[in-house]
Every structure is written in C-alpha cells, then in structure tokens.
Amino acid sequence: MTFRFELADKLVLVTGAFSGLGLQFSRTLAAEGCRVAMCGRRIDLGRALAGMQPGL
C-alpha cells in the first residue's frame, strides 16, 4: 500500500481493532511504522492479540 504522507512514528488509535477491518487497519498501520493503540469491545480478543505483532 502506498501512502501520500509519512506515517512512521505516528501514534494512531484504532477503534474496533480486535477483529475484521479494524484489525487489518491496525496491522497495516503497524507495518508502515505507526505506533498503534487498539481498542474494542471484546477484551478476550484484545488480550489474545497483545504482543502478537510488534507495534500493536
């Protein structure tokens, strides 16, 4: 994916980030160098995702 502006080292908050599109956006942003703060309703999914990918 090509971005028109620099995302590295930006802090991004993604809501609904524990599944579906929110999770995919979180992974994409982390791969581009963002620090990603994730939130969602399913705490069990959030705990399972914690530490699985650097930047998330």
Protein backbone atom coordinates (compact mmCIF):
# COMPACT_ATOMS: atom_id res chain seq x y z
CA MET A 1 0.00 0.00 0.00
CA THR A 2 1.35 3.44 -0.88
CA PHE A 3 0.72 6.42 1.38
CA ARG A 4 0.95 10.07 0.37
CA PHE A 5 2.37 11.19 3.70
CA GLU A 6 4.81 9.84 6.28
CA LEU A 7 3.24 7.60 8.93
CA ALA A 8 6.38 6.32 10.69
CA ASP A 9 6.49 7.09 14.42
CA LYS A 10 2.91 8.45 14.48
CA LEU A 11 0.58 7.31 17.26
CA VAL A 12 -2.70 6.00 15.85
CA LEU A 13 -5.84 4.97 17.74
CA VAL A 14 -7.91 2.29 16.01
CA THR A 15 -11.37 1.52 17.39
CA GLY A 16 -12.94 -1.85 16.70
CA ALA A 17 -9.40 -3.15 16.32
CA PHE A 18 -9.77 -6.66 17.70
CA SER A 19 -11.32 -8.18 14.57
CA GLY A 20 -12.32 -7.53 10.97
CA LEU A 21 -11.38 -4.29 9.23
CA GLY A 22 -10.13 -2.65 12.42
CA LEU A 23 -7.63 -5.47 12.93
CA GLN A 24 -6.47 -5.26 9.32
CA PHE A 25 -6.05 -1.48 9.55
CA SER A 26 -4.06 -1.94 12.77
CA ARG A 27 -1.72 -4.43 11.13
CA THR A 28 -1.27 -2.27 8.03
CA LEU A 29 -0.53 0.85 10.04
CA ALA A 30 1.94 -1.02 12.27
CA ALA A 31 3.71 -2.36 9.18
CA GLU A 32 4.08 1.26 7.99
CA GLY A 33 5.84 2.17 11.24
CA CYS A 34 2.99 3.60 13.30
CA ARG A 35 2.59 3.01 17.00
CA VAL A 36 -0.92 1.59 17.20
CA ALA A 37 -3.25 1.86 20.19
CA MET A 38 -6.09 -0.62 19.77
CA CYS A 39 -9.48 -0.66 21.49
CA GLY A 40 -12.57 -2.76 21.11
CA ARG A 41 -15.42 -4.43 22.95
CA ARG A 42 -14.02 -7.98 23.11
CA ILE A 43 -11.34 -7.87 25.80
CA ASP A 44 -10.65 -11.59 25.32
CA LEU A 45 -9.63 -10.94 21.70
CA GLY A 46 -7.57 -7.93 22.76
CA ARG A 47 -5.63 -9.99 25.28
CA ALA A 48 -5.02 -12.70 22.69
CA LEU A 49 -3.66 -10.10 20.24
CA ALA A 50 -1.43 -8.36 22.79
CA GLY A 51 2.19 -8.82 21.83
CA MET A 52 1.49 -10.89 18.71
CA GLN A 53 2.88 -8.27 16.31
CA PRO A 54 5.42 -5.52 17.03
CA GLY A 55 3.83 -2.10 17.04
CA LEU A 56 0.40 -3.30 18.13
